[in-house]
């Protein structure tokens, strides 16, 4: 079966659309249940619990400026992560920072960029660590991860730093975390208080080895070891879910992982599924990189599809397709939702 390039997305957000030659969600579920795979998981799997993409990077900068308090006189020399956060947040319009407020004619412009440039490195990094660890600290079990308990024992390369995959699936699957896992305590109220303290007093923050929104290093021995261990056996299929190697052709932050993947799975004989809302570009890169005609772009939002799979497996009902169930969920809840629903997230 050869997958044709996916058609353009429908005008409404989150719509799924297939041609006859594309693999159905049902066929994917059957393969995931019956064969050993290699799952490569990115931030898209945690949609609904943390902000994704530019919003994730902008959040510390915006919070630093609008939370008020004191700001240092001198502009510090920033680490690579802080520089990236500042560049991303600097383009946020004031209407987003202060919704509903209007600057009166003659008023001085709000000095957002000037204040943003004074953000301490420790605050930026701690802010992201707190956001990534909150769901785990709250003890929530998300369907995005719970669904893996229905799959055949497999290997999982988890590029998320939130630790949810290890907590919920490591008794069934081999789980590897090439970028590390943030400690549980960072998601606690004490972790939030620490972020606020660093914001106000610029305390020095201890060094950590998490690879977080910055390019990988060829000298990272831990990364190389995790990649080698996770790919020491040959899977029947590969599914890349909500992960883009942190970039777009030709610039990838996770270039070490991408190069390793292309080399290790050159001419891989099984199917490779690229599962994301817009999988076409990465599918082309992977197909060319591993010299394979069995790379399938699968337009899917994993948070929604995983919940539909869990519901279908729990009920045992036959009739409604997974594609139909996904569209129903999207119509009702949108695409930025985590399942199962809680009062706080509804």
C-alpha atoms as a PDB file:
ATOM      1  CA  UNK A   1       0.000   0.000   0.000  1.00  0.00           C
ATOM      2  CA  UNK A   2       1.491   3.332  -1.072  1.00  0.00           C
ATOM      3  CA  UNK A   3       0.276   6.424   0.726  1.00  0.00           C
ATOM      4  CA  UNK A   4      -0.524   9.398  -1.459  1.00  0.00           C
ATOM      5  CA  UNK A   5       0.440  12.898  -0.296  1.00  0.00           C
ATOM      6  CA  UNK A   6      -2.189  14.161   2.138  1.00  0.00           C
ATOM      7  CA  UNK A   7      -4.791  16.562   0.754  1.00  0.00           C
ATOM      8  CA  UNK A   8      -4.995  20.098   2.036  1.00  0.00           C
ATOM      9  CA  UNK A   9      -6.608  20.463   5.434  1.00  0.00           C
ATOM     10  CA  UNK A  10     -10.227  21.493   5.661  1.00  0.00           C
ATOM     11  CA  UNK A  11     -10.964  25.054   6.690  1.00  0.00           C
ATOM     12  CA  UNK A  12     -12.122  24.076  10.157  1.00  0.00           C
ATOM     13  CA  UNK A  13      -9.314  23.439  12.628  1.00  0.00           C
ATOM     14  CA  UNK A  14      -8.484  19.852  13.388  1.00  0.00           C
ATOM     15  CA  UNK A  15     -10.373  18.179  10.570  1.00  0.00           C
ATOM     16  CA  UNK A  16      -9.154  14.798   9.343  1.00  0.00           C
ATOM     17  CA  UNK A  17      -9.458  13.768   5.727  1.00  0.00           C
ATOM     18  CA  UNK A  18      -8.299  10.617   3.987  1.00  0.00           C
ATOM     19  CA  UNK A  19      -7.948   9.149   0.543  1.00  0.00           C
ATOM     20  CA  UNK A  20      -8.661   5.476  -0.075  1.00  0.00           C
ATOM     21  CA  UNK A  21      -4.948   4.651  -0.098  1.00  0.00           C
ATOM     22  CA  UNK A  22      -4.207   6.102   3.331  1.00  0.00           C
ATOM     23  CA  UNK A  23      -4.023   3.796   6.365  1.00  0.00           C
ATOM     24  CA  UNK A  24      -7.103   4.007   8.533  1.00  0.00           C
ATOM     25  CA  UNK A  25      -6.867   4.676  12.238  1.00  0.00           C
ATOM     26  CA  UNK A  26      -8.318   1.192  12.762  1.00  0.00           C
ATOM     27  CA  UNK A  27      -5.472  -0.448  10.828  1.00  0.00           C
ATOM     28  CA  UNK A  28      -2.925   1.511  12.852  1.00  0.00           C
ATOM     29  CA  UNK A  29      -4.567   0.465  16.110  1.00  0.00           C
ATOM     30  CA  UNK A  30      -4.496  -3.191  15.072  1.00  0.00           C
ATOM     31  CA  UNK A  31      -0.811  -2.996  14.214  1.00  0.00           C
ATOM     32  CA  UNK A  32      -0.002  -1.158  17.441  1.00  0.00           C
ATOM     33  CA  UNK A  33      -1.818  -3.888  19.377  1.00  0.00           C
ATOM     34  CA  UNK A  34      -0.228  -6.859  17.644  1.00  0.00           C
ATOM     35  CA  UNK A  35       3.344  -5.957  16.660  1.00  0.00           C
ATOM     36  CA  UNK A  36       6.394  -4.621  18.414  1.00  0.00           C
ATOM     37  CA  UNK A  37       7.099  -1.042  17.433  1.00  0.00           C
ATOM     38  CA  UNK A  38       9.405   1.857  18.059  1.00  0.00           C
ATOM     39  CA  UNK A  39       7.396   4.885  19.144  1.00  0.00           C
ATOM     40  CA  UNK A  40       9.127   8.269  19.041  1.00  0.00           C
ATOM     41  CA  UNK A  41       7.129  10.730  21.115  1.00  0.00           C
ATOM     42  CA  UNK A  42       7.263  14.527  21.103  1.00  0.00           C
ATOM     43  CA  UNK A  43       5.468  17.448  22.713  1.00  0.00           C
ATOM     44  CA  UNK A  44       2.374  16.940  20.562  1.00  0.00           C
ATOM     45  CA  UNK A  45       1.489  13.905  22.683  1.00  0.00           C
ATOM     46  CA  UNK A  46       1.031  16.203  25.689  1.00  0.00           C
ATOM     47  CA  UNK A  47      -1.271  18.669  23.932  1.00  0.00           C
ATOM     48  CA  UNK A  48      -3.833  20.072  26.317  1.00  0.00           C
ATOM     49  CA  UNK A  49      -1.536  20.030  29.355  1.00  0.00           C
ATOM     50  CA  UNK A  50       1.191  22.460  28.271  1.00  0.00           C
ATOM     51  CA  UNK A  51       1.449  25.141  25.623  1.00  0.00           C
ATOM     52  CA  UNK A  52       3.090  24.015  22.412  1.00  0.00           C
ATOM     53  CA  UNK A  53       5.429  25.602  19.896  1.00  0.00           C
ATOM     54  CA  UNK A  54       5.923  29.375  20.098  1.00  0.00           C
ATOM     55  CA  UNK A  55       3.429  29.735  22.966  1.00  0.00           C
ATOM     56  CA  UNK A  56       5.561  27.429  25.120  1.00  0.00           C
ATOM     57  CA  UNK A  57       8.661  29.541  24.530  1.00  0.00           C
ATOM     58  CA  UNK A  58       6.883  32.877  24.885  1.00  0.00           C
ATOM     59  CA  UNK A  59       5.264  32.071  28.226  1.00  0.00           C
ATOM     60  CA  UNK A  60       8.262  32.726  30.538  1.00  0.00           C
ATOM     61  CA  UNK A  61       9.042  36.065  28.893  1.00  0.00           C
ATOM     62  CA  UNK A  62       5.443  37.253  29.013  1.00  0.00           C
ATOM     63  CA  UNK A  63       5.032  36.152  32.630  1.00  0.00           C
ATOM     64  CA  UNK A  64       8.270  37.857  33.623  1.00  0.00           C
ATOM     65  CA  UNK A  65       7.174  41.223  32.255  1.00  0.00           C
ATOM     66  CA  UNK A  66       3.491  41.366  33.140  1.00  0.00           C
ATOM     67  CA  UNK A  67       3.809  39.862  36.648  1.00  0.00           C
ATOM     68  CA  UNK A  68       5.333  43.162  37.776  1.00  0.00           C
ATOM     69  CA  UNK A  69       7.822  43.713  40.550  1.00  0.00           C
ATOM     70  CA  UNK A  70      11.378  44.957  40.199  1.00  0.00           C
ATOM     71  CA  UNK A  71      13.653  44.669  37.198  1.00  0.00           C
ATOM     72  CA  UNK A  72      17.467  44.779  37.180  1.00  0.00           C
ATOM     73  CA  UNK A  73      19.131  47.924  35.892  1.00  0.00           C
ATOM     74  CA  UNK A  74      21.688  46.109  33.764  1.00  0.00           C
ATOM     75  CA  UNK A  75      20.842  43.767  30.915  1.00  0.00           C
ATOM     76  CA  UNK A  76      22.439  40.375  31.644  1.00  0.00           C
ATOM     77  CA  UNK A  77      24.288  38.171  29.190  1.00  0.00           C
ATOM     78  CA  UNK A  78      21.788  35.451  28.340  1.00  0.00           C
ATOM     79  CA  UNK A  79      22.165  31.735  27.795  1.00  0.00           C
ATOM     80  CA  UNK A  80      20.941  30.212  24.526  1.00  0.00           C
ATOM     81  CA  UNK A  81      17.543  29.210  25.953  1.00  0.00           C
ATOM     82  CA  UNK A  82      16.832  32.698  27.321  1.00  0.00           C
ATOM     83  CA  UNK A  83      17.873  34.296  24.036  1.00  0.00           C
ATOM     84  CA  UNK A  84      15.447  32.042  22.192  1.00  0.00           C
ATOM     85  CA  UNK A  85      12.632  32.881  24.634  1.00  0.00           C
ATOM     86  CA  UNK A  86      13.299  36.621  24.317  1.00  0.00           C
ATOM     87  CA  UNK A  87      13.332  36.485  20.496  1.00  0.00           C
ATOM     88  CA  UNK A  88      10.052  34.589  20.470  1.00  0.00           C
ATOM     89  CA  UNK A  89       8.257  36.718  23.078  1.00  0.00           C
ATOM     90  CA  UNK A  90       9.448  40.037  21.619  1.00  0.00           C
ATOM     91  CA  UNK A  91       7.032  39.645  18.710  1.00  0.00           C
ATOM     92  CA  UNK A  92       3.937  39.207  20.871  1.00  0.00           C
ATOM     93  CA  UNK A  93       1.526  42.134  20.313  1.00  0.00           C
ATOM     94  CA  UNK A  94       0.482  44.248  23.289  1.00  0.00           C
ATOM     95  CA  UNK A  95      -3.135  43.314  22.620  1.00  0.00           C
ATOM     96  CA  UNK A  96      -2.221  39.742  23.605  1.00  0.00           C
ATOM     97  CA  UNK A  97      -0.345  40.872  26.716  1.00  0.00           C
ATOM     98  CA  UNK A  98      -3.161  43.084  27.941  1.00  0.00           C
ATOM     99  CA  UNK A  99      -6.391  41.891  26.315  1.00  0.00           C
ATOM    100  CA  UNK A 100      -9.161  44.440  26.394  1.00  0.00           C
ATOM    101  CA  UNK A 101      -6.902  47.363  27.248  1.00  0.00           C
ATOM    102  CA  UNK A 102      -6.277  50.259  24.878  1.00  0.00           C
ATOM    103  CA  UNK A 103      -3.411  52.750  25.009  1.00  0.00           C
ATOM    104  CA  UNK A 104      -4.860  56.234  24.960  1.00  0.00           C
ATOM    105  CA  UNK A 105      -3.499  58.698  22.395  1.00  0.00           C
ATOM    106  CA  UNK A 106      -0.431  60.413  23.770  1.00  0.00           C
ATOM    107  CA  UNK A 107       0.405  57.604  26.213  1.00  0.00           C
ATOM    108  CA  UNK A 108       3.947  56.281  26.308  1.00  0.00           C
ATOM    109  CA  UNK A 109       4.400  52.892  24.697  1.00  0.00           C
ATOM    110  CA  UNK A 110       4.678  50.046  27.188  1.00  0.00           C
ATOM    111  CA  UNK A 111       8.434  49.152  27.379  1.00  0.00           C
ATOM    112  CA  UNK A 112       7.851  45.429  26.895  1.00  0.00           C
ATOM    113  CA  UNK A 113      11.038  44.609  25.016  1.00  0.00           C
ATOM    114  CA  UNK A 114      13.188  46.713  27.315  1.00  0.00           C
ATOM    115  CA  UNK A 115      11.875  44.839  30.362  1.00  0.00           C
ATOM    116  CA  UNK A 116      11.974  41.469  28.584  1.00  0.00           C
ATOM    117  CA  UNK A 117      15.705  41.842  27.935  1.00  0.00           C
ATOM    118  CA  UNK A 118      16.267  41.918  31.716  1.00  0.00           C
ATOM    119  CA  UNK A 119      14.821  38.438  32.311  1.00  0.00           C
ATOM    120  CA  UNK A 120      17.227  36.293  34.388  1.00  0.00           C
ATOM    121  CA  UNK A 121      18.325  32.966  32.903  1.00  0.00           C
ATOM    122  CA  UNK A 122      17.342  31.127  36.059  1.00  0.00           C
ATOM    123  CA  UNK A 123      13.761  32.398  35.886  1.00  0.00           C
ATOM    124  CA  UNK A 124      13.339  31.367  32.251  1.00  0.00           C
ATOM    125  CA  UNK A 125      14.564  27.830  32.795  1.00  0.00           C
ATOM    126  CA  UNK A 126      12.709  27.274  36.070  1.00  0.00           C
ATOM    127  CA  UNK A 127       9.480  28.583  34.563  1.00  0.00           C
ATOM    128  CA  UNK A 128       9.597  25.965  31.802  1.00  0.00           C
ATOM    129  CA  UNK A 129      10.532  23.197  34.242  1.00  0.00           C
ATOM    130  CA  UNK A 130       7.584  24.053  36.478  1.00  0.00           C
ATOM    131  CA  UNK A 131       5.138  24.050  33.558  1.00  0.00           C
ATOM    132  CA  UNK A 132       6.432  20.727  32.241  1.00  0.00           C
ATOM    133  CA  UNK A 133       6.242  19.003  35.645  1.00  0.00           C
ATOM    134  CA  UNK A 134       2.821  20.246  36.811  1.00  0.00           C
ATOM    135  CA  UNK A 135       0.699  17.489  35.238  1.00  0.00           C
ATOM    136  CA  UNK A 136       2.919  14.776  36.667  1.00  0.00           C
ATOM    137  CA  UNK A 137       2.867  16.355  40.125  1.00  0.00           C
ATOM    138  CA  UNK A 138      -0.933  16.514  40.012  1.00  0.00           C
ATOM    139  CA  UNK A 139      -0.971  12.754  39.392  1.00  0.00           C
ATOM    140  CA  UNK A 140      -3.107  12.899  36.281  1.00  0.00           C
ATOM    141  CA  UNK A 141      -3.246   9.884  33.965  1.00  0.00           C
ATOM    142  CA  UNK A 142      -3.850  11.130  30.433  1.00  0.00           C
ATOM    143  CA  UNK A 143      -5.376   9.035  27.659  1.00  0.00           C
ATOM    144  CA  UNK A 144      -2.506  10.217  25.427  1.00  0.00           C
ATOM    145  CA  UNK A 145      -0.297   7.913  27.493  1.00  0.00           C
ATOM    146  CA  UNK A 146      -2.824   5.459  28.914  1.00  0.00           C
ATOM    147  CA  UNK A 147      -3.585   4.201  25.388  1.00  0.00           C
ATOM    148  CA  UNK A 148      -0.062   2.733  25.183  1.00  0.00           C
ATOM    149  CA  UNK A 149      -1.102   0.191  27.813  1.00  0.00           C
ATOM    150  CA  UNK A 150      -3.264  -1.398  25.103  1.00  0.00           C
ATOM    151  CA  UNK A 151      -0.335  -1.751  22.676  1.00  0.00           C
ATOM    152  CA  UNK A 152       2.047  -4.660  22.172  1.00  0.00           C
ATOM    153  CA  UNK A 153       5.176  -4.341  24.365  1.00  0.00           C
ATOM    154  CA  UNK A 154       7.423  -1.979  22.436  1.00  0.00           C
ATOM    155  CA  UNK A 155      10.230   0.561  22.720  1.00  0.00           C
ATOM    156  CA  UNK A 156       9.455   4.221  23.330  1.00  0.00           C
ATOM    157  CA  UNK A 157      11.835   7.105  22.750  1.00  0.00           C
ATOM    158  CA  UNK A 158      10.187   9.888  24.739  1.00  0.00           C
ATOM    159  CA  UNK A 159      11.453  13.381  23.940  1.00  0.00           C
ATOM    160  CA  UNK A 160       9.047  14.981  26.411  1.00  0.00           C
ATOM    161  CA  UNK A 161      10.617  15.998  29.700  1.00  0.00           C
ATOM    162  CA  UNK A 162       7.400  15.622  31.712  1.00  0.00           C
ATOM    163  CA  UNK A 163       7.981  12.000  32.801  1.00  0.00           C
ATOM    164  CA  UNK A 164       4.396  10.917  32.097  1.00  0.00           C
ATOM    165  CA  UNK A 165       5.336   8.131  29.701  1.00  0.00           C
ATOM    166  CA  UNK A 166       7.742   6.574  32.204  1.00  0.00           C
ATOM    167  CA  UNK A 167       5.222   6.816  35.042  1.00  0.00           C
ATOM    168  CA  UNK A 168       2.326   5.258  33.160  1.00  0.00           C
ATOM    169  CA  UNK A 169       3.892   2.875  30.641  1.00  0.00           C
ATOM    170  CA  UNK A 170       7.341   1.661  31.735  1.00  0.00           C
ATOM    171  CA  UNK A 171       5.914  -1.533  33.293  1.00  0.00           C
ATOM    172  CA  UNK A 172       4.848  -2.643  29.796  1.00  0.00           C
ATOM    173  CA  UNK A 173       7.234  -0.875  27.408  1.00  0.00           C
ATOM    174  CA  UNK A 174      10.906   0.013  27.410  1.00  0.00           C
ATOM    175  CA  UNK A 175      10.953   3.793  27.815  1.00  0.00           C
ATOM    176  CA  UNK A 176      14.002   5.944  27.089  1.00  0.00           C
ATOM    177  CA  UNK A 177      14.274   9.687  27.715  1.00  0.00           C
ATOM    178  CA  UNK A 178      17.091  11.057  25.537  1.00  0.00           C
ATOM    179  CA  UNK A 179      16.565  14.641  26.773  1.00  0.00           C
ATOM    180  CA  UNK A 180      16.043  13.725  30.430  1.00  0.00           C
ATOM    181  CA  UNK A 181      13.060  13.852  32.797  1.00  0.00           C
ATOM    182  CA  UNK A 182      12.331  16.818  35.051  1.00  0.00           C
ATOM    183  CA  UNK A 183      12.005  15.970  38.740  1.00  0.00           C
ATOM    184  CA  UNK A 184       8.491  15.757  40.132  1.00  0.00           C
ATOM    185  CA  UNK A 185       8.968  18.509  42.707  1.00  0.00           C
ATOM    186  CA  UNK A 186       9.348  21.245  40.121  1.00  0.00           C
ATOM    187  CA  UNK A 187       5.632  20.923  39.377  1.00  0.00           C
ATOM    188  CA  UNK A 188       4.575  21.526  42.981  1.00  0.00           C
ATOM    189  CA  UNK A 189       3.355  24.757  44.605  1.00  0.00           C
ATOM    190  CA  UNK A 190       6.834  25.012  46.130  1.00  0.00           C
ATOM    191  CA  UNK A 191       8.220  24.854  42.600  1.00  0.00           C
ATOM    192  CA  UNK A 192       5.955  27.730  41.595  1.00  0.00           C
ATOM    193  CA  UNK A 193       7.111  29.722  44.625  1.00  0.00           C
ATOM    194  CA  UNK A 194      10.716  29.090  43.629  1.00  0.00           C
ATOM    195  CA  UNK A 195      10.023  30.499  40.156  1.00  0.00           C
ATOM    196  CA  UNK A 196       8.579  33.642  41.739  1.00  0.00           C
ATOM    197  CA  UNK A 197      11.590  33.993  44.058  1.00  0.00           C
ATOM    198  CA  UNK A 198      14.051  33.721  41.206  1.00  0.00           C
ATOM    199  CA  UNK A 199      12.023  36.279  39.271  1.00  0.00           C
ATOM    200  CA  UNK A 200      12.219  38.806  42.123  1.00  0.00           C
ATOM    201  CA  UNK A 201      15.710  38.145  43.469  1.00  0.00           C
ATOM    202  CA  UNK A 202      17.606  36.474  40.596  1.00  0.00           C
ATOM    203  CA  UNK A 203      18.879  33.625  42.773  1.00  0.00           C
ATOM    204  CA  UNK A 204      21.502  31.463  41.119  1.00  0.00           C
ATOM    205  CA  UNK A 205      19.956  28.266  39.775  1.00  0.00           C
ATOM    206  CA  UNK A 206      21.845  24.980  39.858  1.00  0.00           C
ATOM    207  CA  UNK A 207      23.017  23.572  36.530  1.00  0.00           C
ATOM    208  CA  UNK A 208      21.005  20.752  34.948  1.00  0.00           C
ATOM    209  CA  UNK A 209      21.551  18.574  31.899  1.00  0.00           C
ATOM    210  CA  UNK A 210      18.058  18.713  30.336  1.00  0.00           C
ATOM    211  CA  UNK A 211      17.999  19.345  26.596  1.00  0.00           C
ATOM    212  CA  UNK A 212      15.221  21.928  26.530  1.00  0.00           C
ATOM    213  CA  UNK A 213      14.433  23.935  23.375  1.00  0.00           C
ATOM    214  CA  UNK A 214      18.105  24.268  22.390  1.00  0.00           C
ATOM    215  CA  UNK A 215      20.187  22.298  19.850  1.00  0.00           C
ATOM    216  CA  UNK A 216      21.512  18.886  20.797  1.00  0.00           C
ATOM    217  CA  UNK A 217      25.279  18.434  21.163  1.00  0.00           C
ATOM    218  CA  UNK A 218      27.345  15.797  19.384  1.00  0.00           C
ATOM    219  CA  UNK A 219      29.355  15.507  22.601  1.00  0.00           C
ATOM    220  CA  UNK A 220      26.310  14.516  24.689  1.00  0.00           C
ATOM    221  CA  UNK A 221      27.249  11.002  25.823  1.00  0.00           C
ATOM    222  CA  UNK A 222      23.928  10.414  27.572  1.00  0.00           C
ATOM    223  CA  UNK A 223      21.977  11.232  24.420  1.00  0.00           C
ATOM    224  CA  UNK A 224      24.121   8.883  22.345  1.00  0.00           C
ATOM    225  CA  UNK A 225      23.714   6.091  24.894  1.00  0.00           C
ATOM    226  CA  UNK A 226      19.922   6.455  25.048  1.00  0.00           C
ATOM    227  CA  UNK A 227      19.605   6.433  21.255  1.00  0.00           C
ATOM    228  CA  UNK A 228      21.790   3.340  20.973  1.00  0.00           C
ATOM    229  CA  UNK A 229      19.937   1.417  23.683  1.00  0.00           C
ATOM    230  CA  UNK A 230      16.501   2.300  22.297  1.00  0.00           C
ATOM    231  CA  UNK A 231      17.341   1.071  18.786  1.00  0.00           C
ATOM    232  CA  UNK A 232      19.376  -2.033  19.594  1.00  0.00           C
ATOM    233  CA  UNK A 233      16.580  -4.297  18.318  1.00  0.00           C
ATOM    234  CA  UNK A 234      14.641  -4.128  15.061  1.00  0.00           C
ATOM    235  CA  UNK A 235      10.973  -3.085  15.406  1.00  0.00           C
ATOM    236  CA  UNK A 236       8.219  -4.206  13.056  1.00  0.00           C
ATOM    237  CA  UNK A 237       7.152  -0.584  12.512  1.00  0.00           C
ATOM    238  CA  UNK A 238       8.035   2.945  13.616  1.00  0.00           C
ATOM    239  CA  UNK A 239       5.537   5.614  14.688  1.00  0.00           C
ATOM    240  CA  UNK A 240       6.718   9.207  15.182  1.00  0.00           C
ATOM    241  CA  UNK A 241       3.969  10.900  17.180  1.00  0.00           C
ATOM    242  CA  UNK A 242       3.745  14.643  17.770  1.00  0.00           C
ATOM    243  CA  UNK A 243       7.462  15.061  17.148  1.00  0.00           C
ATOM    244  CA  UNK A 244       9.288  17.034  14.464  1.00  0.00           C
ATOM    245  CA  UNK A 245      12.915  16.710  15.624  1.00  0.00           C
ATOM    246  CA  UNK A 246      12.374  20.256  16.924  1.00  0.00           C
ATOM    247  CA  UNK A 247      12.507  22.178  13.679  1.00  0.00           C
ATOM    248  CA  UNK A 248      11.866  22.208   9.980  1.00  0.00           C
ATOM    249  CA  UNK A 249      14.068  21.354   7.030  1.00  0.00           C
ATOM    250  CA  UNK A 250      16.964  22.163   7.074  1.00  0.00           C
ATOM    251  CA  UNK A 251      17.214  23.486  10.650  1.00  0.00           C
ATOM    252  CA  UNK A 252      16.542  21.007  13.444  1.00  0.00           C
ATOM    253  CA  UNK A 253      17.479  21.462  17.098  1.00  0.00           C
ATOM    254  CA  UNK A 254      17.443  17.671  17.436  1.00  0.00           C
ATOM    255  CA  UNK A 255      19.821  17.207  14.520  1.00  0.00           C
ATOM    256  CA  UNK A 256      21.876  14.550  16.339  1.00  0.00           C
ATOM    257  CA  UNK A 257      18.771  12.410  16.824  1.00  0.00           C
ATOM    258  CA  UNK A 258      17.692  12.972  13.219  1.00  0.00           C
ATOM    259  CA  UNK A 259      21.082  11.976  11.822  1.00  0.00           C
ATOM    260  CA  UNK A 260      21.150   8.898  14.059  1.00  0.00           C
ATOM    261  CA  UNK A 261      17.643   7.910  12.937  1.00  0.00           C
ATOM    262  CA  UNK A 262      18.492   8.232   9.253  1.00  0.00           C
ATOM    263  CA  UNK A 263      21.621   6.147   9.663  1.00  0.00           C
ATOM    264  CA  UNK A 264      20.159   3.463  11.938  1.00  0.00           C
ATOM    265  CA  UNK A 265      16.996   2.945   9.883  1.00  0.00           C
ATOM    266  CA  UNK A 266      18.377   3.351   6.373  1.00  0.00           C
ATOM    267  CA  UNK A 267      16.201   1.225   4.087  1.00  0.00           C
ATOM    268  CA  UNK A 268      14.095   0.077   7.032  1.00  0.00           C
ATOM    269  CA  UNK A 269      11.756  -2.654   5.690  1.00  0.00           C
ATOM    270  CA  UNK A 270       8.728  -1.829   7.846  1.00  0.00           C
ATOM    271  CA  UNK A 271       6.183   0.960   7.789  1.00  0.00           C
ATOM    272  CA  UNK A 272       7.069   4.355   9.254  1.00  0.00           C
ATOM    273  CA  UNK A 273       4.142   6.519  10.365  1.00  0.00           C
ATOM    274  CA  UNK A 274       4.533  10.272  10.844  1.00  0.00           C
ATOM    275  CA  UNK A 275       1.582  11.315  13.009  1.00  0.00           C
ATOM    276  CA  UNK A 276       0.921  15.014  13.534  1.00  0.00           C
ATOM    277  CA  UNK A 277      -1.574  17.645  12.365  1.00  0.00           C
ATOM    278  CA  UNK A 278       0.687  18.502   9.391  1.00  0.00           C
ATOM    279  CA  UNK A 279       2.984  15.536   8.716  1.00  0.00           C
ATOM    280  CA  UNK A 280       3.819  16.014   5.020  1.00  0.00           C
ATOM    281  CA  UNK A 281       7.099  17.918   5.299  1.00  0.00           C
ATOM    282  CA  UNK A 282       8.707  15.632   7.887  1.00  0.00           C
ATOM    283  CA  UNK A 283       7.462  12.583   5.979  1.00  0.00           C
ATOM    284  CA  UNK A 284       9.343  13.755   2.898  1.00  0.00           C
ATOM    285  CA  UNK A 285      12.504  14.373   4.929  1.00  0.00           C
ATOM    286  CA  UNK A 286      12.339  10.940   6.559  1.00  0.00           C
ATOM    287  CA  UNK A 287      11.448   9.081   3.346  1.00  0.00           C
ATOM    288  CA  UNK A 288      14.386  10.652   1.549  1.00  0.00           C
ATOM    289  CA  UNK A 289      16.717  10.278   4.528  1.00  0.00           C
ATOM    290  CA  UNK A 290      16.153   6.557   5.032  1.00  0.00           C
ATOM    291  CA  UNK A 291      15.514   5.753   1.353  1.00  0.00           C
ATOM    292  CA  UNK A 292      12.085   4.242   1.940  1.00  0.00           C
ATOM    293  CA  UNK A 293       8.792   4.231   0.056  1.00  0.00           C
ATOM    294  CA  UNK A 294       6.954   3.056   3.176  1.00  0.00           C
ATOM    295  CA  UNK A 295       6.817   6.352   5.072  1.00  0.00           C
ATOM    296  CA  UNK A 296       3.200   7.310   5.690  1.00  0.00           C
ATOM    297  CA  UNK A 297       2.097  10.824   6.704  1.00  0.00           C
ATOM    298  CA  UNK A 298      -0.906  10.440   9.005  1.00  0.00           C
ATOM    299  CA  UNK A 299      -2.737  13.698   9.820  1.00  0.00           C
ATOM    300  CA  UNK A 300      -3.750  13.240  13.450  1.00  0.00           C
ATOM    301  CA  UNK A 301      -3.929  15.039  16.764  1.00  0.00           C
ATOM    302  CA  UNK A 302      -2.705  12.437  19.196  1.00  0.00           C
ATOM    303  CA  UNK A 303      -4.553  13.810  22.230  1.00  0.00           C
ATOM    304  CA  UNK A 304      -7.835  13.355  20.357  1.00  0.00           C
ATOM    305  CA  UNK A 305      -7.024  10.090  18.564  1.00  0.00           C
ATOM    306  CA  UNK A 306      -5.672   8.443  21.725  1.00  0.00           C
ATOM    307  CA  UNK A 307      -8.865   9.277  23.610  1.00  0.00           C
ATOM    308  CA  UNK A 308     -10.990   7.903  20.767  1.00  0.00           C
ATOM    309  CA  UNK A 309      -8.943   4.684  20.835  1.00  0.00           C
ATOM    310  CA  UNK A 310      -9.309   4.345  24.603  1.00  0.00           C
ATOM    311  CA  UNK A 311     -13.066   4.881  24.388  1.00  0.00           C
ATOM    312  CA  UNK A 312     -13.433   2.410  21.526  1.00  0.00           C
ATOM    313  CA  UNK A 313     -11.367  -0.272  23.288  1.00  0.00           C
ATOM    314  CA  UNK A 314     -13.232   0.238  26.557  1.00  0.00           C
ATOM    315  CA  UNK A 315     -16.667  -0.023  24.981  1.00  0.00           C
ATOM    316  CA  UNK A 316     -15.912  -2.711  22.412  1.00  0.00           C
ATOM    317  CA  UNK A 317     -18.448  -1.070  20.121  1.00  0.00           C
ATOM    318  CA  UNK A 318     -18.217  -1.469  16.368  1.00  0.00           C
ATOM    319  CA  UNK A 319     -19.838   0.885  13.903  1.00  0.00           C
ATOM    320  CA  UNK A 320     -18.483   4.396  14.243  1.00  0.00           C
ATOM    321  CA  UNK A 321     -15.018   4.781  12.742  1.00  0.00           C
ATOM    322  CA  UNK A 322     -12.181   6.283  14.761  1.00  0.00           C
ATOM    323  CA  UNK A 323     -12.021   9.059  12.206  1.00  0.00           C
ATOM    324  CA  UNK A 324     -15.683   9.876  12.876  1.00  0.00           C
ATOM    325  CA  UNK A 325     -15.142   9.771  16.641  1.00  0.00           C
ATOM    326  CA  UNK A 326     -12.181  12.143  16.303  1.00  0.00           C
ATOM    327  CA  UNK A 327     -14.189  14.649  14.318  1.00  0.00           C
ATOM    328  CA  UNK A 328     -16.987  14.489  16.885  1.00  0.00           C
ATOM    329  CA  UNK A 329     -14.527  15.168  19.698  1.00  0.00           C
ATOM    330  CA  UNK A 330     -12.936  18.037  17.796  1.00  0.00           C
ATOM    331  CA  UNK A 331     -16.302  19.604  17.062  1.00  0.00           C
ATOM    332  CA  UNK A 332     -17.219  19.456  20.736  1.00  0.00           C
ATOM    333  CA  UNK A 333     -13.926  20.248  22.476  1.00  0.00           C
ATOM    334  CA  UNK A 334     -11.468  21.658  19.927  1.00  0.00           C
ATOM    335  CA  UNK A 335      -7.903  20.449  19.549  1.00  0.00           C
ATOM    336  CA  UNK A 336      -6.321  21.943  22.694  1.00  0.00           C
ATOM    337  CA  UNK A 337      -7.853  19.558  25.175  1.00  0.00           C
ATOM    338  CA  UNK A 338      -6.470  16.743  27.314  1.00  0.00           C
ATOM    339  CA  UNK A 339      -8.508  13.640  28.068  1.00  0.00           C
ATOM    340  CA  UNK A 340      -9.982  12.469  30.320  1.00  0.00           C
ATOM    341  CA  UNK A 341     -11.583  15.831  31.006  1.00  0.00           C
ATOM    342  CA  UNK A 342     -11.260  17.371  34.449  1.00  0.00           C
ATOM    343  CA  UNK A 343     -13.189  20.267  35.892  1.00  0.00           C
ATOM    344  CA  UNK A 344     -10.117  22.502  35.645  1.00  0.00           C
ATOM    345  CA  UNK A 345      -9.503  21.772  31.960  1.00  0.00           C
ATOM    346  CA  UNK A 346     -13.055  21.694  30.577  1.00  0.00           C
END
